[in-house]
Amino acid sequence: MKYLKLNDIDCYKRSLRLSNYVWEIIKKWEWFEKKTIGEQFVTAIDSISANIAEGFGRYGKKDKNKFYYYSFGSVQEGLDWNEKSKIRNLLTKEHYQHILNELLVLPKEIHQLIKFTNEKLKD
């Protein structure tokens, strides 16, 4: 029997890659931009994979799913910071679009993880 590992989960891998992508962009910003928007943007994006990882490490289905649902909120927050960064000319069009595309795919993948958890685990 093969056991599921954190690095087997698509939404975890995608959100981890995205967090490193956003980090590489924001670390080049000026101090004011980093302090006002960058810090919160990075925190929101980082918390997507962090909540998936924390949920994966929990024992019960209900506890796991609670953290997976938290990651949905972080995706929404990431969308907000991405928009603000675009409007304030802090991102190139390419960076903005890549981040947006990834954030739009993540909810479906997280939902698939929740569905899998509900189907495979006992209460």
C-alpha atoms as a PDB file:
ATOM      1  CA  MET A   1       0.000   0.000   0.000  1.00  0.00           C
ATOM      2  CA  LYS A   2       1.337   3.414  -1.000  1.00  0.00           C
ATOM      3  CA  TYR A   3       0.789   6.229   1.469  1.00  0.00           C
ATOM      4  CA  LEU A   4       0.081   9.758   0.327  1.00  0.00           C
ATOM      5  CA  LYS A   5       2.923  12.187   1.011  1.00  0.00           C
ATOM      6  CA  LEU A   6       2.684  15.951   1.219  1.00  0.00           C
ATOM      7  CA  ASN A   7       4.823  16.336  -1.908  1.00  0.00           C
ATOM      8  CA  ASP A   8       2.315  14.180  -3.833  1.00  0.00           C
ATOM      9  CA  ILE A   9      -0.424  16.798  -3.423  1.00  0.00           C
ATOM     10  CA  ASP A  10      -0.817  19.049  -6.469  1.00  0.00           C
ATOM     11  CA  CYS A  11      -2.177  22.088  -4.645  1.00  0.00           C
ATOM     12  CA  TYR A  12       0.675  21.905  -2.127  1.00  0.00           C
ATOM     13  CA  LYS A  13       3.326  21.733  -4.859  1.00  0.00           C
ATOM     14  CA  ARG A  14       1.683  24.542  -6.855  1.00  0.00           C
ATOM     15  CA  SER A  15       1.289  26.837  -3.836  1.00  0.00           C
ATOM     16  CA  LEU A  16       4.860  26.181  -2.687  1.00  0.00           C
ATOM     17  CA  ARG A  17       6.215  27.079  -6.136  1.00  0.00           C
ATOM     18  CA  LEU A  18       4.026  30.178  -6.172  1.00  0.00           C
ATOM     19  CA  SER A  19       5.266  31.299  -2.762  1.00  0.00           C
ATOM     20  CA  ASN A  20       8.870  31.090  -3.953  1.00  0.00           C
ATOM     21  CA  TYR A  21       7.970  32.904  -7.182  1.00  0.00           C
ATOM     22  CA  VAL A  22       6.325  35.778  -5.285  1.00  0.00           C
ATOM     23  CA  TRP A  23       9.224  35.891  -2.803  1.00  0.00           C
ATOM     24  CA  GLU A  24      11.761  36.338  -5.617  1.00  0.00           C
ATOM     25  CA  ILE A  25       9.786  39.270  -7.017  1.00  0.00           C
ATOM     26  CA  ILE A  26       9.078  41.067  -3.760  1.00  0.00           C
ATOM     27  CA  LYS A  27      12.552  40.787  -2.301  1.00  0.00           C
ATOM     28  CA  LYS A  28      13.710  43.160  -5.071  1.00  0.00           C
ATOM     29  CA  TRP A  29      11.198  45.882  -4.203  1.00  0.00           C
ATOM     30  CA  GLU A  30      12.143  49.093  -2.402  1.00  0.00           C
ATOM     31  CA  TRP A  31      11.777  49.283   1.376  1.00  0.00           C
ATOM     32  CA  PHE A  32       8.434  51.142   1.456  1.00  0.00           C
ATOM     33  CA  GLU A  33       6.794  48.751  -1.011  1.00  0.00           C
ATOM     34  CA  LYS A  34       8.153  45.727   0.853  1.00  0.00           C
ATOM     35  CA  LYS A  35       6.965  47.061   4.201  1.00  0.00           C
ATOM     36  CA  THR A  36       3.457  48.126   3.161  1.00  0.00           C
ATOM     37  CA  ILE A  37       2.379  45.571   0.555  1.00  0.00           C
ATOM     38  CA  GLY A  38       5.179  43.068   0.111  1.00  0.00           C
ATOM     39  CA  GLU A  39       5.196  41.677   3.634  1.00  0.00           C
ATOM     40  CA  GLN A  40       1.456  41.013   3.596  1.00  0.00           C
ATOM     41  CA  PHE A  41       1.524  39.660   0.044  1.00  0.00           C
ATOM     42  CA  VAL A  42       4.270  37.170   0.905  1.00  0.00           C
ATOM     43  CA  THR A  43       2.510  36.166   4.134  1.00  0.00           C
ATOM     44  CA  ALA A  44      -0.781  35.532   2.326  1.00  0.00           C
ATOM     45  CA  ILE A  45       0.828  33.463  -0.419  1.00  0.00           C
ATOM     46  CA  ASP A  46       3.054  31.570   2.023  1.00  0.00           C
ATOM     47  CA  SER A  47       0.058  30.670   4.158  1.00  0.00           C
ATOM     48  CA  ILE A  48      -1.607  28.778   1.303  1.00  0.00           C
ATOM     49  CA  SER A  49       0.981  25.978   1.321  1.00  0.00           C
ATOM     50  CA  ALA A  50       1.505  26.300   5.078  1.00  0.00           C
ATOM     51  CA  ASN A  51      -2.168  25.626   5.798  1.00  0.00           C
ATOM     52  CA  ILE A  52      -2.222  22.701   3.390  1.00  0.00           C
ATOM     53  CA  ALA A  53       0.848  21.277   5.124  1.00  0.00           C
ATOM     54  CA  GLU A  54      -0.647  21.798   8.570  1.00  0.00           C
ATOM     55  CA  GLY A  55      -3.902  20.174   7.549  1.00  0.00           C
ATOM     56  CA  PHE A  56      -2.013  17.248   6.052  1.00  0.00           C
ATOM     57  CA  GLY A  57      -0.278  16.747   9.382  1.00  0.00           C
ATOM     58  CA  ARG A  58      -3.525  16.584  11.340  1.00  0.00           C
ATOM     59  CA  TYR A  59      -5.147  13.287  12.246  1.00  0.00           C
ATOM     60  CA  GLY A  60      -8.900  13.662  11.809  1.00  0.00           C
ATOM     61  CA  LYS A  61     -10.816  14.474   8.646  1.00  0.00           C
ATOM     62  CA  LYS A  62     -12.568  17.469  10.197  1.00  0.00           C
ATOM     63  CA  ASP A  63      -9.306  18.906  11.517  1.00  0.00           C
ATOM     64  CA  LYS A  64      -7.527  18.378   8.191  1.00  0.00           C
ATOM     65  CA  ASN A  65     -10.295  20.050   6.219  1.00  0.00           C
ATOM     66  CA  LYS A  66     -10.382  23.048   8.566  1.00  0.00           C
ATOM     67  CA  PHE A  67      -6.836  23.943   7.519  1.00  0.00           C
ATOM     68  CA  TYR A  68      -7.529  23.204   3.862  1.00  0.00           C
ATOM     69  CA  TYR A  69     -10.426  25.677   4.055  1.00  0.00           C
ATOM     70  CA  TYR A  70      -8.117  28.250   5.646  1.00  0.00           C
ATOM     71  CA  SER A  71      -5.976  28.000   2.523  1.00  0.00           C
ATOM     72  CA  PHE A  72      -8.988  29.141   0.447  1.00  0.00           C
ATOM     73  CA  GLY A  73      -9.005  32.375   2.437  1.00  0.00           C
ATOM     74  CA  SER A  74      -5.305  32.851   1.802  1.00  0.00           C
ATOM     75  CA  VAL A  75      -5.883  32.404  -1.934  1.00  0.00           C
ATOM     76  CA  GLN A  76      -8.489  35.181  -1.834  1.00  0.00           C
ATOM     77  CA  GLU A  77      -6.135  37.424   0.113  1.00  0.00           C
ATOM     78  CA  GLY A  78      -3.401  36.690  -2.421  1.00  0.00           C
ATOM     79  CA  LEU A  79      -5.723  37.753  -5.235  1.00  0.00           C
ATOM     80  CA  ASP A  80      -6.305  41.054  -3.442  1.00  0.00           C
ATOM     81  CA  TRP A  81      -2.578  41.766  -2.964  1.00  0.00           C
ATOM     82  CA  ASN A  82      -1.886  40.785  -6.560  1.00  0.00           C
ATOM     83  CA  GLU A  83      -4.466  43.313  -7.775  1.00  0.00           C
ATOM     84  CA  LYS A  84      -3.119  46.054  -5.526  1.00  0.00           C
ATOM     85  CA  SER A  85       0.422  45.344  -6.690  1.00  0.00           C
ATOM     86  CA  LYS A  86      -0.675  45.575 -10.322  1.00  0.00           C
ATOM     87  CA  ILE A  87      -2.611  48.819  -9.799  1.00  0.00           C
ATOM     88  CA  ARG A  88       0.372  50.370  -7.992  1.00  0.00           C
ATOM     89  CA  ASN A  89       2.757  49.330 -10.784  1.00  0.00           C
ATOM     90  CA  LEU A  90       4.799  46.980  -8.620  1.00  0.00           C
ATOM     91  CA  LEU A  91       4.446  43.943 -10.891  1.00  0.00           C
ATOM     92  CA  THR A  92       5.163  43.440 -14.554  1.00  0.00           C
ATOM     93  CA  LYS A  93       2.210  42.267 -16.647  1.00  0.00           C
ATOM     94  CA  GLU A  94       3.867  38.857 -16.920  1.00  0.00           C
ATOM     95  CA  HIS A  95       4.372  38.510 -13.143  1.00  0.00           C
ATOM     96  CA  TYR A  96       0.828  39.658 -12.428  1.00  0.00           C
ATOM     97  CA  GLN A  97      -0.677  37.229 -14.957  1.00  0.00           C
ATOM     98  CA  HIS A  98       1.384  34.265 -13.773  1.00  0.00           C
ATOM     99  CA  ILE A  99       0.396  34.856 -10.144  1.00  0.00           C
ATOM    100  CA  LEU A 100      -3.245  35.348 -11.136  1.00  0.00           C
ATOM    101  CA  ASN A 101      -3.304  32.150 -13.194  1.00  0.00           C
ATOM    102  CA  GLU A 102      -1.870  30.105 -10.327  1.00  0.00           C
ATOM    103  CA  LEU A 103      -4.268  31.618  -7.788  1.00  0.00           C
ATOM    104  CA  LEU A 104      -7.234  30.829 -10.045  1.00  0.00           C
ATOM    105  CA  VAL A 105      -6.264  27.147 -10.325  1.00  0.00           C
ATOM    106  CA  LEU A 106      -5.632  26.596  -6.618  1.00  0.00           C
ATOM    107  CA  PRO A 107      -9.244  26.618  -5.332  1.00  0.00           C
ATOM    108  CA  LYS A 108     -10.188  23.715  -7.608  1.00  0.00           C
ATOM    109  CA  GLU A 109      -7.118  21.739  -6.524  1.00  0.00           C
ATOM    110  CA  ILE A 110      -7.767  22.454  -2.843  1.00  0.00           C
ATOM    111  CA  HIS A 111     -11.378  21.374  -3.300  1.00  0.00           C
ATOM    112  CA  GLN A 112     -10.137  18.110  -4.852  1.00  0.00           C
ATOM    113  CA  LEU A 113      -7.947  17.568  -1.771  1.00  0.00           C
ATOM    114  CA  ILE A 114     -10.944  18.129   0.516  1.00  0.00           C
ATOM    115  CA  LYS A 115     -13.050  15.741  -1.557  1.00  0.00           C
ATOM    116  CA  PHE A 116     -10.273  13.120  -1.461  1.00  0.00           C
ATOM    117  CA  THR A 117      -9.949  13.555   2.310  1.00  0.00           C
ATOM    118  CA  ASN A 118     -13.698  13.155   2.796  1.00  0.00           C
ATOM    119  CA  GLU A 119     -13.826  10.031   0.644  1.00  0.00           C
ATOM    120  CA  LYS A 120     -10.721   8.252   1.922  1.00  0.00           C
ATOM    121  CA  LEU A 121     -10.701   8.994   5.651  1.00  0.00           C
ATOM    122  CA  LYS A 122     -13.082   7.810   8.310  1.00  0.00           C
ATOM    123  CA  ASP A 123     -14.578  10.325  10.732  1.00  0.00           C
END
